Every structure is written in C-alpha cells, then in structure tokens.
Amino acid sequence: MAIRKFDRSRLKVLPLAGRQHDLNLGVMRELAPVAVDQPRLEAVAERIRAARERGASVILMMGAHVVRSGVQRFIIDLMERGYISCLAGNGACAIHDFEFALIGQTTESVARYIRDGQFGLWQETGRLNDIVNHAAREGLGAGEAIGKAIHEGYFPHKETSLFAAAHRLGIPFTVHVGIGSDIVHEHPNCDGGAWGQASYTDFLYYTSVLENIEGGVVMNFGSAIMAPEVYLKALAMVRNVAAQEGREIKRFSSLVCDLRELPENVSEEAPKGSPDYYFRPWKTMLVRTVDDGGESFYVRASHAETVPQLWTSVTETQPS
C-alpha cells in the first residue's frame, strides 16, 4: 500500500463566531498590588532588579496557561519598566494571545468539539499561518511577525496582547513549536516548513538573549517540556562559545513556578525510577544547569497568584 498524505482540502473550517468560548476578557486581572506570601518570589525580585542594574538578561518562559490566566497587564508592565529582556512561549501562547486580541475570547472545549472533528478548525485563527508564512519568506521569527501583525493590524483588544506589547517595546517574544501540536497545524494553509524556519529563527533570537544571562534570571511559568528543553540546548550553545572566549556563564538564578508538588529542597534531583525524575523543569532548570555557581527557586502556586506577586515584589509596590 502506498503511503499517502492527508488531503487537507477536504476539511471544513468554520468562522470563530460559531464557536463556544470558555474564556473572555473578564479573566483579565487589573494591574494592582497584591499580598505577597511567597518569600522566594521576593528573593527572585531582588535578583531581577539587580540584573537590570548590571544589564544582564531576564527571560520569562511560559506555557499557554499563563496567557489564559489573565495576568497580561502585570507582564506588560514589567516589560515597560525594563525588567524583561525576552518572553518565550509555545505555539498555544500565540494562539490564545491572537484570539484574545482579535475577538476578546479564546479557548474551546476539547470534549465538545473533538466529537465531530471540529476542534481547532476555525477560520480566523488560521490567519496565524498566513503571518508565519510571510515571516519565513522575510526571514523573521514567528513571534516577531505575530507581534507586528497584532500591533499594526485591526485587533480591537490588542492592549491585552503580550506579542503586540513585545513588538512595541522591541523585546523578543520567541515562539517554540512542535509541528502537529497546535490547532493551526490542522489548517489547509499551514506550511510546516515556514513554521519550522520561523520558529528556529526565534530559537536563535532566544539563544542570543541567553548569552547575556550571567548575573541574570531565567524563569519558567508552567512549561513542563518546551521551556526546559529549549533553555538546555541554548545554554549549551552559549557556554560553548563562552568557553572558547575564556568566559563563564554559570552565576545566574532560575525560577520555576508550577503546580507540581516538589520537596522543600530542590537543589538535588529526584532519584531515577521516581516519576519526579522525569519532570524536566526540576532536574534541568533547578539542578543541573545551576549547580556550578547559580541558584534556583521553586514556587508551587497558580499563575494567577505567582505573576501578580512577582510584579508586586519587583516594583516594590505594597497593596493598600
């Protein structure tokens, strides 16, 4: 039997207006100080302020649930104050950010739409493929092109967009995709080569920022695979070059914020055979890459708690 490709022209792609959305702009939190009950976030805030003073990089990596948690105003304000050097996310971050900016709503029920195969097949969201196709032709990164499109285009709620804010401020928001893992890859206008090229350009942007991480901070909010794996490979690259130039990249801080139950002391990785051994943020970001001069912090809480608390601590703003 001959190997065949699926014919995407057979797909039925419907307007977003016909989708039931699970989230709307009501999830967006107002920019206001909160009570800080996580001392580790206060410690990381001190290091972020010190990094800005010395000109070192501060990188915030995230999973898409950060976008869905409505903490955009806090992250945008940190960018505007000069505390963030780079944002990094997966393809779902771009999708939720794009939909919020365009229609003020996002997120569909997998259980509802997978039954008849309509999950992910929405016309307006597929415009992201057109943006990335153009990015590849122009040699741009995916995040760079998405931010520019939202910032310059007709998006009624663009003030919520992390990508648009990053473009406006000249800060990279790098997008790291796995082909086939995002709903836009289902669409007939998806070009896997374009996504690969534009996402790899973003990887090189990210690596360039990481080269200045000595004395800086790298943070991971809720990404179990993308963030630690991208960070690990990029760190190998920049340390390789630094070693050739007689420099070291080892004195920096890492922060992981997630819901996984970890022990109080995260400076030693879990033993092989334990399920926790395979939780990459722990062994990669909290142990292996900082054990020769760096330091690490873990905070177990929701993004709706950790991001506002970090912002409050960094800006040294106390709730009234």
C-alpha atoms as a PDB file:
ATOM      1  CA  MET A   1       0.000   0.000   0.000  1.00  0.00           C
ATOM      2  CA  ALA A   2       1.376   3.400  -0.994  1.00  0.00           C
ATOM      3  CA  ILE A   3       1.997   5.956   1.752  1.00  0.00           C
ATOM      4  CA  ARG A   4      -0.370   8.872   1.304  1.00  0.00           C
ATOM      5  CA  LYS A   5      -0.621  12.353   2.766  1.00  0.00           C
ATOM      6  CA  PHE A   6      -3.920  13.531   4.210  1.00  0.00           C
ATOM      7  CA  ASP A   7      -5.763  15.838   1.801  1.00  0.00           C
ATOM      8  CA  ARG A   8      -6.491  18.987   3.825  1.00  0.00           C
ATOM      9  CA  SER A   9      -8.762  20.431   1.115  1.00  0.00           C
ATOM     10  CA  ARG A  10     -11.464  18.093   2.446  1.00  0.00           C
ATOM     11  CA  LEU A  11     -11.604  19.890   5.800  1.00  0.00           C
ATOM     12  CA  LYS A  12     -14.499  22.109   6.876  1.00  0.00           C
ATOM     13  CA  VAL A  13     -13.152  25.223   8.604  1.00  0.00           C
ATOM     14  CA  LEU A  14     -15.797  27.366  10.315  1.00  0.00           C
ATOM     15  CA  PRO A  15     -15.872  31.019  11.498  1.00  0.00           C
ATOM     16  CA  LEU A  16     -14.893  31.724  15.102  1.00  0.00           C
ATOM     17  CA  ALA A  17     -18.292  33.360  15.598  1.00  0.00           C
ATOM     18  CA  GLY A  18     -19.783  29.869  15.690  1.00  0.00           C
ATOM     19  CA  ARG A  19     -17.515  28.594  18.444  1.00  0.00           C
ATOM     20  CA  GLN A  20     -18.418  28.464  22.110  1.00  0.00           C
ATOM     21  CA  HIS A  21     -15.583  30.112  24.019  1.00  0.00           C
ATOM     22  CA  ASP A  22     -14.555  29.143  27.529  1.00  0.00           C
ATOM     23  CA  LEU A  23     -12.707  32.389  28.335  1.00  0.00           C
ATOM     24  CA  ASN A  24     -13.364  36.072  27.678  1.00  0.00           C
ATOM     25  CA  LEU A  25     -11.845  39.402  28.724  1.00  0.00           C
ATOM     26  CA  GLY A  26     -13.423  39.024  32.148  1.00  0.00           C
ATOM     27  CA  VAL A  27     -10.444  36.844  33.083  1.00  0.00           C
ATOM     28  CA  MET A  28      -8.048  39.781  32.666  1.00  0.00           C
ATOM     29  CA  ARG A  29      -6.796  40.978  36.054  1.00  0.00           C
ATOM     30  CA  GLU A  30      -6.396  44.652  36.827  1.00  0.00           C
ATOM     31  CA  LEU A  31      -2.872  45.912  37.445  1.00  0.00           C
ATOM     32  CA  ALA A  32      -2.850  46.311  41.210  1.00  0.00           C
ATOM     33  CA  PRO A  33      -0.570  45.248  44.092  1.00  0.00           C
ATOM     34  CA  VAL A  34      -1.357  42.003  45.878  1.00  0.00           C
ATOM     35  CA  ALA A  35      -0.314  40.491  49.169  1.00  0.00           C
ATOM     36  CA  VAL A  36       2.934  38.550  48.772  1.00  0.00           C
ATOM     37  CA  ASP A  37       3.044  35.270  50.669  1.00  0.00           C
ATOM     38  CA  GLN A  38       5.885  33.671  48.696  1.00  0.00           C
ATOM     39  CA  PRO A  39       9.287  34.764  50.075  1.00  0.00           C
ATOM     40  CA  ARG A  40      11.053  33.069  47.159  1.00  0.00           C
ATOM     41  CA  LEU A  41       9.341  35.430  44.742  1.00  0.00           C
ATOM     42  CA  GLU A  42      10.628  38.353  46.784  1.00  0.00           C
ATOM     43  CA  ALA A  43      14.135  36.869  46.556  1.00  0.00           C
ATOM     44  CA  VAL A  44      13.833  36.468  42.785  1.00  0.00           C
ATOM     45  CA  ALA A  45      12.523  40.033  42.523  1.00  0.00           C
ATOM     46  CA  GLU A  46      15.726  41.288  44.155  1.00  0.00           C
ATOM     47  CA  ARG A  47      17.748  39.408  41.573  1.00  0.00           C
ATOM     48  CA  ILE A  48      15.641  40.783  38.710  1.00  0.00           C
ATOM     49  CA  ARG A  49      16.244  44.342  39.899  1.00  0.00           C
ATOM     50  CA  ALA A  50      19.967  43.621  40.226  1.00  0.00           C
ATOM     51  CA  ALA A  51      20.049  42.081  36.745  1.00  0.00           C
ATOM     52  CA  ARG A  52      18.519  45.203  35.235  1.00  0.00           C
ATOM     53  CA  GLU A  53      21.094  47.362  37.008  1.00  0.00           C
ATOM     54  CA  ARG A  54      24.007  45.335  35.619  1.00  0.00           C
ATOM     55  CA  GLY A  55      22.456  44.924  32.166  1.00  0.00           C
ATOM     56  CA  ALA A  56      22.032  41.153  32.406  1.00  0.00           C
ATOM     57  CA  SER A  57      19.190  39.263  30.744  1.00  0.00           C
ATOM     58  CA  VAL A  58      15.892  38.436  32.444  1.00  0.00           C
ATOM     59  CA  ILE A  59      13.970  35.795  30.490  1.00  0.00           C
ATOM     60  CA  LEU A  60      10.373  34.765  31.169  1.00  0.00           C
ATOM     61  CA  MET A  61       9.368  31.447  29.603  1.00  0.00           C
ATOM     62  CA  MET A  62       5.775  30.280  29.794  1.00  0.00           C
ATOM     63  CA  GLY A  63       3.155  27.737  28.919  1.00  0.00           C
ATOM     64  CA  ALA A  64      -0.137  28.854  27.415  1.00  0.00           C
ATOM     65  CA  HIS A  65      -1.992  28.740  30.734  1.00  0.00           C
ATOM     66  CA  VAL A  66      -0.182  31.946  31.682  1.00  0.00           C
ATOM     67  CA  VAL A  67      -1.997  33.701  28.827  1.00  0.00           C
ATOM     68  CA  ARG A  68      -5.259  32.050  29.844  1.00  0.00           C
ATOM     69  CA  SER A  69      -4.868  33.133  33.482  1.00  0.00           C
ATOM     70  CA  GLY A  70      -5.330  36.813  32.616  1.00  0.00           C
ATOM     71  CA  VAL A  71      -2.073  38.213  34.038  1.00  0.00           C
ATOM     72  CA  GLN A  72      -1.104  40.065  30.861  1.00  0.00           C
ATOM     73  CA  ARG A  73      -1.125  43.542  32.409  1.00  0.00           C
ATOM     74  CA  PHE A  74       1.467  42.518  35.001  1.00  0.00           C
ATOM     75  CA  ILE A  75       3.839  41.093  32.408  1.00  0.00           C
ATOM     76  CA  ILE A  76       3.382  44.048  30.061  1.00  0.00           C
ATOM     77  CA  ASP A  77       4.131  46.476  32.888  1.00  0.00           C
ATOM     78  CA  LEU A  78       7.322  44.586  33.760  1.00  0.00           C
ATOM     79  CA  MET A  79       8.350  44.854  30.108  1.00  0.00           C
ATOM     80  CA  GLU A  80       7.568  48.569  30.013  1.00  0.00           C
ATOM     81  CA  ARG A  81       9.670  49.142  33.144  1.00  0.00           C
ATOM     82  CA  GLY A  82      12.640  47.370  31.545  1.00  0.00           C
ATOM     83  CA  TYR A  83      12.641  44.282  33.747  1.00  0.00           C
ATOM     84  CA  ILE A  84      12.099  41.691  30.988  1.00  0.00           C
ATOM     85  CA  SER A  85      14.607  41.037  28.196  1.00  0.00           C
ATOM     86  CA  CYS A  86      12.753  38.231  26.430  1.00  0.00           C
ATOM     87  CA  LEU A  87       9.487  36.303  26.556  1.00  0.00           C
ATOM     88  CA  ALA A  88       9.368  32.747  25.264  1.00  0.00           C
ATOM     89  CA  GLY A  89       6.345  30.520  24.741  1.00  0.00           C
ATOM     90  CA  ASN A  90       4.895  27.671  22.737  1.00  0.00           C
ATOM     91  CA  GLY A  91       2.502  27.839  19.810  1.00  0.00           C
ATOM     92  CA  ALA A  92      -0.556  27.795  22.055  1.00  0.00           C
ATOM     93  CA  CYS A  93       0.625  31.049  23.671  1.00  0.00           C
ATOM     94  CA  ALA A  94       0.447  32.694  20.251  1.00  0.00           C
ATOM     95  CA  ILE A  95      -2.997  31.238  19.548  1.00  0.00           C
ATOM     96  CA  HIS A  96      -4.614  32.395  22.800  1.00  0.00           C
ATOM     97  CA  ASP A  97      -2.924  35.801  22.614  1.00  0.00           C
ATOM     98  CA  PHE A  98      -4.064  36.247  18.994  1.00  0.00           C
ATOM     99  CA  GLU A  99      -7.668  35.251  19.726  1.00  0.00           C
ATOM    100  CA  PHE A 100      -7.908  37.489  22.800  1.00  0.00           C
ATOM    101  CA  ALA A 101      -6.605  40.445  20.776  1.00  0.00           C
ATOM    102  CA  LEU A 102      -8.933  39.749  17.849  1.00  0.00           C
ATOM    103  CA  ILE A 103     -12.261  38.817  19.448  1.00  0.00           C
ATOM    104  CA  GLY A 104     -11.752  39.197  23.212  1.00  0.00           C
ATOM    105  CA  GLN A 105     -12.382  35.483  23.713  1.00  0.00           C
ATOM    106  CA  THR A 106     -10.419  32.246  23.467  1.00  0.00           C
ATOM    107  CA  THR A 107     -10.329  28.545  24.400  1.00  0.00           C
ATOM    108  CA  GLU A 108     -12.642  25.833  23.174  1.00  0.00           C
ATOM    109  CA  SER A 109     -13.773  22.652  24.870  1.00  0.00           C
ATOM    110  CA  VAL A 110     -11.865  19.678  23.554  1.00  0.00           C
ATOM    111  CA  ALA A 111     -14.600  17.366  24.820  1.00  0.00           C
ATOM    112  CA  ARG A 112     -17.277  19.333  22.935  1.00  0.00           C
ATOM    113  CA  TYR A 113     -15.563  19.787  19.584  1.00  0.00           C
ATOM    114  CA  ILE A 114     -13.473  16.650  19.186  1.00  0.00           C
ATOM    115  CA  ARG A 115     -16.621  14.524  18.900  1.00  0.00           C
ATOM    116  CA  ASP A 116     -17.388  15.731  15.375  1.00  0.00           C
ATOM    117  CA  GLY A 117     -13.834  16.718  14.454  1.00  0.00           C
ATOM    118  CA  GLN A 118     -14.348  20.479  14.582  1.00  0.00           C
ATOM    119  CA  PHE A 119     -11.759  21.075  17.299  1.00  0.00           C
ATOM    120  CA  GLY A 120      -9.256  23.710  16.214  1.00  0.00           C
ATOM    121  CA  LEU A 121     -10.678  24.274  12.743  1.00  0.00           C
ATOM    122  CA  TRP A 122     -11.633  27.961  12.929  1.00  0.00           C
ATOM    123  CA  GLN A 123     -11.053  30.358  10.069  1.00  0.00           C
ATOM    124  CA  GLU A 124      -9.739  33.461  11.837  1.00  0.00           C
ATOM    125  CA  THR A 125      -7.232  31.561  13.979  1.00  0.00           C
ATOM    126  CA  GLY A 126      -5.812  30.124  10.769  1.00  0.00           C
ATOM    127  CA  ARG A 127      -4.608  33.624   9.865  1.00  0.00           C
ATOM    128  CA  LEU A 128      -1.624  32.849  12.077  1.00  0.00           C
ATOM    129  CA  ASN A 129      -0.438  30.520   9.317  1.00  0.00           C
ATOM    130  CA  ASP A 130      -0.502  33.370   6.804  1.00  0.00           C
ATOM    131  CA  ILE A 131       1.511  35.533   9.200  1.00  0.00           C
ATOM    132  CA  VAL A 132       4.119  32.828   9.721  1.00  0.00           C
ATOM    133  CA  ASN A 133       4.288  32.011   6.010  1.00  0.00           C
ATOM    134  CA  HIS A 134       5.147  35.676   5.425  1.00  0.00           C
ATOM    135  CA  ALA A 135       7.640  35.615   8.305  1.00  0.00           C
ATOM    136  CA  ALA A 136       9.526  32.723   6.752  1.00  0.00           C
ATOM    137  CA  ARG A 137       9.720  34.482   3.391  1.00  0.00           C
ATOM    138  CA  GLU A 138      11.064  37.634   5.046  1.00  0.00           C
ATOM    139  CA  GLY A 139      13.481  35.863   7.393  1.00  0.00           C
ATOM    140  CA  LEU A 140      11.542  36.906  10.516  1.00  0.00           C
ATOM    141  CA  GLY A 141      10.856  34.986  13.691  1.00  0.00           C
ATOM    142  CA  ALA A 142       7.328  33.699  14.294  1.00  0.00           C
ATOM    143  CA  GLY A 143       6.837  35.774  17.436  1.00  0.00           C
ATOM    144  CA  GLU A 144       8.297  38.851  15.776  1.00  0.00           C
ATOM    145  CA  ALA A 145       5.839  38.595  12.880  1.00  0.00           C
ATOM    146  CA  ILE A 146       2.833  37.829  15.088  1.00  0.00           C
ATOM    147  CA  GLY A 147       3.571  40.786  17.365  1.00  0.00           C
ATOM    148  CA  LYS A 148       3.932  43.112  14.388  1.00  0.00           C
ATOM    149  CA  ALA A 149       0.679  41.890  12.828  1.00  0.00           C
ATOM    150  CA  ILE A 150      -1.308  42.415  16.016  1.00  0.00           C
ATOM    151  CA  HIS A 151       0.320  45.755  16.830  1.00  0.00           C
ATOM    152  CA  GLU A 152      -0.220  47.196  13.360  1.00  0.00           C
ATOM    153  CA  GLY A 153      -3.449  45.429  12.342  1.00  0.00           C
ATOM    154  CA  TYR A 154      -7.116  45.683  13.273  1.00  0.00           C
ATOM    155  CA  PHE A 155      -7.306  43.879  16.570  1.00  0.00           C
ATOM    156  CA  PRO A 156      -9.924  45.528  18.824  1.00  0.00           C
ATOM    157  CA  HIS A 157      -8.336  44.190  22.024  1.00  0.00           C
ATOM    158  CA  LYS A 158      -4.655  44.498  21.150  1.00  0.00           C
ATOM    159  CA  GLU A 159      -3.961  46.129  24.518  1.00  0.00           C
ATOM    160  CA  THR A 160      -4.214  42.618  26.012  1.00  0.00           C
ATOM    161  CA  SER A 161      -1.589  41.190  23.669  1.00  0.00           C
ATOM    162  CA  LEU A 162       1.817  40.223  25.041  1.00  0.00           C
ATOM    163  CA  PHE A 163       3.061  39.809  21.480  1.00  0.00           C
ATOM    164  CA  ALA A 164       1.952  43.303  20.446  1.00  0.00           C
ATOM    165  CA  ALA A 165       3.497  44.812  23.573  1.00  0.00           C
ATOM    166  CA  ALA A 166       6.766  42.986  22.963  1.00  0.00           C
ATOM    167  CA  HIS A 167       6.871  44.273  19.378  1.00  0.00           C
ATOM    168  CA  ARG A 168       6.075  47.815  20.512  1.00  0.00           C
ATOM    169  CA  LEU A 169       8.889  47.702  23.066  1.00  0.00           C
ATOM    170  CA  GLY A 170      11.448  45.963  20.888  1.00  0.00           C
ATOM    171  CA  ILE A 171      11.561  42.882  23.138  1.00  0.00           C
ATOM    172  CA  PRO A 172      11.660  39.423  21.538  1.00  0.00           C
ATOM    173  CA  PHE A 173       8.759  37.079  22.201  1.00  0.00           C
ATOM    174  CA  THR A 174      10.077  33.828  20.820  1.00  0.00           C
ATOM    175  CA  VAL A 175       7.736  31.006  19.785  1.00  0.00           C
ATOM    176  CA  HIS A 176       8.953  27.412  20.028  1.00  0.00           C
ATOM    177  CA  VAL A 177       6.650  24.950  18.286  1.00  0.00           C
ATOM    178  CA  GLY A 178       6.375  21.239  17.795  1.00  0.00           C
ATOM    179  CA  ILE A 179       4.883  20.565  14.372  1.00  0.00           C
ATOM    180  CA  GLY A 180       1.473  18.960  14.748  1.00  0.00           C
ATOM    181  CA  SER A 181       0.963  20.113  18.335  1.00  0.00           C
ATOM    182  CA  ASP A 182      -1.071  23.284  17.656  1.00  0.00           C
ATOM    183  CA  ILE A 183      -4.528  23.692  16.168  1.00  0.00           C
ATOM    184  CA  VAL A 184      -3.271  25.915  13.335  1.00  0.00           C
ATOM    185  CA  HIS A 185      -1.256  22.950  12.028  1.00  0.00           C
ATOM    186  CA  GLU A 186      -4.566  21.304  11.102  1.00  0.00           C
ATOM    187  CA  HIS A 187      -5.435  24.054   8.627  1.00  0.00           C
ATOM    188  CA  PRO A 188      -5.075  23.801   4.835  1.00  0.00           C
ATOM    189  CA  ASN A 189      -2.932  26.972   4.761  1.00  0.00           C
ATOM    190  CA  CYS A 190      -0.337  25.624   7.226  1.00  0.00           C
ATOM    191  CA  ASP A 191       3.192  25.359   5.855  1.00  0.00           C
ATOM    192  CA  GLY A 192       5.251  23.179   8.169  1.00  0.00           C
ATOM    193  CA  GLY A 193       8.461  24.405   6.599  1.00  0.00           C
ATOM    194  CA  ALA A 194       7.522  28.024   7.289  1.00  0.00           C
ATOM    195  CA  TRP A 195       6.728  27.283  10.923  1.00  0.00           C
ATOM    196  CA  GLY A 196       9.974  25.386  11.293  1.00  0.00           C
ATOM    197  CA  GLN A 197      12.043  28.168   9.786  1.00  0.00           C
ATOM    198  CA  ALA A 198      10.330  30.997  11.700  1.00  0.00           C
ATOM    199  CA  SER A 199      10.432  29.103  14.986  1.00  0.00           C
ATOM    200  CA  TYR A 200      14.096  28.261  14.504  1.00  0.00           C
ATOM    201  CA  THR A 201      14.809  31.945  13.902  1.00  0.00           C
ATOM    202  CA  ASP A 202      13.113  32.561  17.255  1.00  0.00           C
ATOM    203  CA  PHE A 203      15.308  29.903  18.843  1.00  0.00           C
ATOM    204  CA  LEU A 204      18.374  31.812  17.669  1.00  0.00           C
ATOM    205  CA  TYR A 205      16.900  35.083  18.998  1.00  0.00           C
ATOM    206  CA  TYR A 206      16.325  33.375  22.342  1.00  0.00           C
ATOM    207  CA  THR A 207      19.848  31.959  22.392  1.00  0.00           C
ATOM    208  CA  SER A 208      21.284  35.403  21.689  1.00  0.00           C
ATOM    209  CA  VAL A 209      19.474  36.823  24.730  1.00  0.00           C
ATOM    210  CA  LEU A 210      20.566  33.869  26.879  1.00  0.00           C
ATOM    211  CA  GLU A 211      24.193  34.637  26.032  1.00  0.00           C
ATOM    212  CA  ASN A 212      23.869  37.577  28.452  1.00  0.00           C
ATOM    213  CA  ILE A 213      22.375  35.522  31.320  1.00  0.00           C
ATOM    214  CA  GLU A 214      25.464  35.740  33.575  1.00  0.00           C
ATOM    215  CA  GLY A 215      24.175  37.655  36.590  1.00  0.00           C
ATOM    216  CA  GLY A 216      20.647  37.438  35.230  1.00  0.00           C
ATOM    217  CA  VAL A 217      17.467  35.435  35.764  1.00  0.00           C
ATOM    218  CA  VAL A 218      15.644  32.796  33.711  1.00  0.00           C
ATOM    219  CA  MET A 219      12.068  31.961  34.709  1.00  0.00           C
ATOM    220  CA  ASN A 220       9.665  29.206  33.715  1.00  0.00           C
ATOM    221  CA  PHE A 221       5.961  29.558  34.419  1.00  0.00           C
ATOM    222  CA  GLY A 222       4.139  26.316  33.720  1.00  0.00           C
ATOM    223  CA  SER A 223       6.043  24.788  30.800  1.00  0.00           C
ATOM    224  CA  ALA A 224       6.914  21.164  31.527  1.00  0.00           C
ATOM    225  CA  ILE A 225       8.751  20.378  28.281  1.00  0.00           C
ATOM    226  CA  MET A 226       9.230  23.326  25.912  1.00  0.00           C
ATOM    227  CA  ALA A 227      10.911  25.727  28.335  1.00  0.00           C
ATOM    228  CA  PRO A 228      13.462  23.383  29.942  1.00  0.00           C
ATOM    229  CA  GLU A 229      14.365  21.739  26.644  1.00  0.00           C
ATOM    230  CA  VAL A 230      14.800  24.955  24.636  1.00  0.00           C
ATOM    231  CA  TYR A 231      16.716  26.548  27.513  1.00  0.00           C
ATOM    232  CA  LEU A 232      19.000  23.500  27.871  1.00  0.00           C
ATOM    233  CA  LYS A 233      20.073  23.450  24.232  1.00  0.00           C
ATOM    234  CA  ALA A 234      20.513  27.212  24.067  1.00  0.00           C
ATOM    235  CA  LEU A 235      22.600  27.160  27.262  1.00  0.00           C
ATOM    236  CA  ALA A 236      24.891  24.520  25.763  1.00  0.00           C
ATOM    237  CA  MET A 237      25.418  26.768  22.738  1.00  0.00           C
ATOM    238  CA  VAL A 238      26.245  29.924  24.677  1.00  0.00           C
ATOM    239  CA  ARG A 239      28.510  28.102  27.141  1.00  0.00           C
ATOM    240  CA  ASN A 240      30.336  26.506  24.219  1.00  0.00           C
ATOM    241  CA  VAL A 241      31.159  29.907  22.763  1.00  0.00           C
ATOM    242  CA  ALA A 242      31.926  31.422  26.172  1.00  0.00           C
ATOM    243  CA  ALA A 243      34.454  28.646  26.909  1.00  0.00           C
ATOM    244  CA  GLN A 244      36.263  29.365  23.652  1.00  0.00           C
ATOM    245  CA  GLU A 245      36.445  33.043  24.603  1.00  0.00           C
ATOM    246  CA  GLY A 246      37.688  32.440  28.153  1.00  0.00           C
ATOM    247  CA  ARG A 247      34.376  33.436  29.736  1.00  0.00           C
ATOM    248  CA  GLU A 248      31.988  31.630  32.078  1.00  0.00           C
ATOM    249  CA  ILE A 249      28.203  31.521  32.169  1.00  0.00           C
ATOM    250  CA  LYS A 250      27.272  29.964  35.474  1.00  0.00           C
ATOM    251  CA  ARG A 251      26.307  32.632  38.003  1.00  0.00           C
ATOM    252  CA  PHE A 252      22.625  33.293  37.428  1.00  0.00           C
ATOM    253  CA  SER A 253      19.266  32.472  39.018  1.00  0.00           C
ATOM    254  CA  SER A 254      16.466  30.218  37.824  1.00  0.00           C
ATOM    255  CA  LEU A 255      12.838  30.234  38.915  1.00  0.00           C
ATOM    256  CA  VAL A 256      10.179  27.622  38.200  1.00  0.00           C
ATOM    257  CA  CYS A 257       6.542  28.274  39.074  1.00  0.00           C
ATOM    258  CA  ASP A 258       4.231  25.294  38.673  1.00  0.00           C
ATOM    259  CA  LEU A 259       1.646  23.164  40.465  1.00  0.00           C
ATOM    260  CA  ARG A 260       3.816  20.066  40.880  1.00  0.00           C
ATOM    261  CA  GLU A 261       4.423  19.022  44.483  1.00  0.00           C
ATOM    262  CA  LEU A 262       8.191  19.134  44.993  1.00  0.00           C
ATOM    263  CA  PRO A 263      10.268  18.783  48.167  1.00  0.00           C
ATOM    264  CA  GLU A 264      11.430  21.819  50.085  1.00  0.00           C
ATOM    265  CA  ASN A 265      14.987  21.333  48.842  1.00  0.00           C
ATOM    266  CA  VAL A 266      15.058  21.297  45.033  1.00  0.00           C
ATOM    267  CA  SER A 267      18.833  21.588  44.704  1.00  0.00           C
ATOM    268  CA  GLU A 268      19.112  17.815  44.232  1.00  0.00           C
ATOM    269  CA  GLU A 269      17.216  15.987  41.523  1.00  0.00           C
ATOM    270  CA  ALA A 270      14.829  13.131  42.212  1.00  0.00           C
ATOM    271  CA  PRO A 271      16.249   9.592  42.030  1.00  0.00           C
ATOM    272  CA  LYS A 272      15.925   7.606  38.830  1.00  0.00           C
ATOM    273  CA  GLY A 273      12.801   5.487  38.926  1.00  0.00           C
ATOM    274  CA  SER A 274      10.813   8.223  40.624  1.00  0.00           C
ATOM    275  CA  PRO A 275       8.139   9.907  38.462  1.00  0.00           C
ATOM    276  CA  ASP A 276       9.573  13.255  39.572  1.00  0.00           C
ATOM    277  CA  TYR A 277      12.868  12.402  37.867  1.00  0.00           C
ATOM    278  CA  TYR A 278      11.131  12.993  34.552  1.00  0.00           C
ATOM    279  CA  PHE A 279       9.808  16.443  35.486  1.00  0.00           C
ATOM    280  CA  ARG A 280      12.247  18.406  33.350  1.00  0.00           C
ATOM    281  CA  PRO A 281      11.845  21.826  34.991  1.00  0.00           C
ATOM    282  CA  TRP A 282      13.207  20.360  38.227  1.00  0.00           C
ATOM    283  CA  LYS A 283      16.248  18.425  37.050  1.00  0.00           C
ATOM    284  CA  THR A 284      17.112  20.774  34.169  1.00  0.00           C
ATOM    285  CA  MET A 285      16.303  24.273  35.397  1.00  0.00           C
ATOM    286  CA  LEU A 286      16.572  23.868  39.161  1.00  0.00           C
ATOM    287  CA  VAL A 287      19.532  21.475  39.427  1.00  0.00           C
ATOM    288  CA  ARG A 288      21.767  20.539  36.513  1.00  0.00           C
ATOM    289  CA  THR A 289      22.269  23.911  34.841  1.00  0.00           C
ATOM    290  CA  VAL A 290      22.827  25.949  38.012  1.00  0.00           C
ATOM    291  CA  ASP A 291      24.799  23.559  40.205  1.00  0.00           C
ATOM    292  CA  ASP A 292      28.181  25.104  39.381  1.00  0.00           C
ATOM    293  CA  GLY A 293      27.627  28.638  40.619  1.00  0.00           C
ATOM    294  CA  GLY A 294      23.991  29.549  40.159  1.00  0.00           C
ATOM    295  CA  GLU A 295      20.933  29.286  42.369  1.00  0.00           C
ATOM    296  CA  SER A 296      17.364  28.128  41.887  1.00  0.00           C
ATOM    297  CA  PHE A 297      13.915  28.762  43.318  1.00  0.00           C
ATOM    298  CA  TYR A 298      10.657  26.812  43.085  1.00  0.00           C
ATOM    299  CA  VAL A 299       7.203  28.179  43.892  1.00  0.00           C
ATOM    300  CA  ARG A 300       4.116  25.970  43.885  1.00  0.00           C
ATOM    301  CA  ALA A 301       1.086  28.124  43.102  1.00  0.00           C
ATOM    302  CA  SER A 302      -1.172  29.139  40.223  1.00  0.00           C
ATOM    303  CA  HIS A 303      -0.041  31.704  37.660  1.00  0.00           C
ATOM    304  CA  ALA A 304      -2.869  33.973  38.798  1.00  0.00           C
ATOM    305  CA  GLU A 305      -1.023  34.110  42.143  1.00  0.00           C
ATOM    306  CA  THR A 306       2.652  33.992  41.212  1.00  0.00           C
ATOM    307  CA  VAL A 307       2.762  36.553  38.401  1.00  0.00           C
ATOM    308  CA  PRO A 308       0.996  39.339  40.353  1.00  0.00           C
ATOM    309  CA  GLN A 309       3.113  38.559  43.431  1.00  0.00           C
ATOM    310  CA  LEU A 310       6.297  38.708  41.401  1.00  0.00           C
ATOM    311  CA  TRP A 311       5.219  42.019  39.860  1.00  0.00           C
ATOM    312  CA  THR A 312       4.368  43.423  43.305  1.00  0.00           C
ATOM    313  CA  SER A 313       7.768  42.343  44.638  1.00  0.00           C
ATOM    314  CA  VAL A 314       9.758  43.631  41.654  1.00  0.00           C
ATOM    315  CA  THR A 315       8.059  47.012  41.605  1.00  0.00           C
ATOM    316  CA  GLU A 316       8.158  47.220  45.409  1.00  0.00           C
ATOM    317  CA  THR A 317       4.515  48.238  45.429  1.00  0.00           C
ATOM    318  CA  GLN A 318       2.552  47.381  48.531  1.00  0.00           C
ATOM    319  CA  PRO A 319      -1.216  46.712  48.456  1.00  0.00           C
ATOM    320  CA  SER A 320      -3.297  49.432  50.074  1.00  0.00           C
END
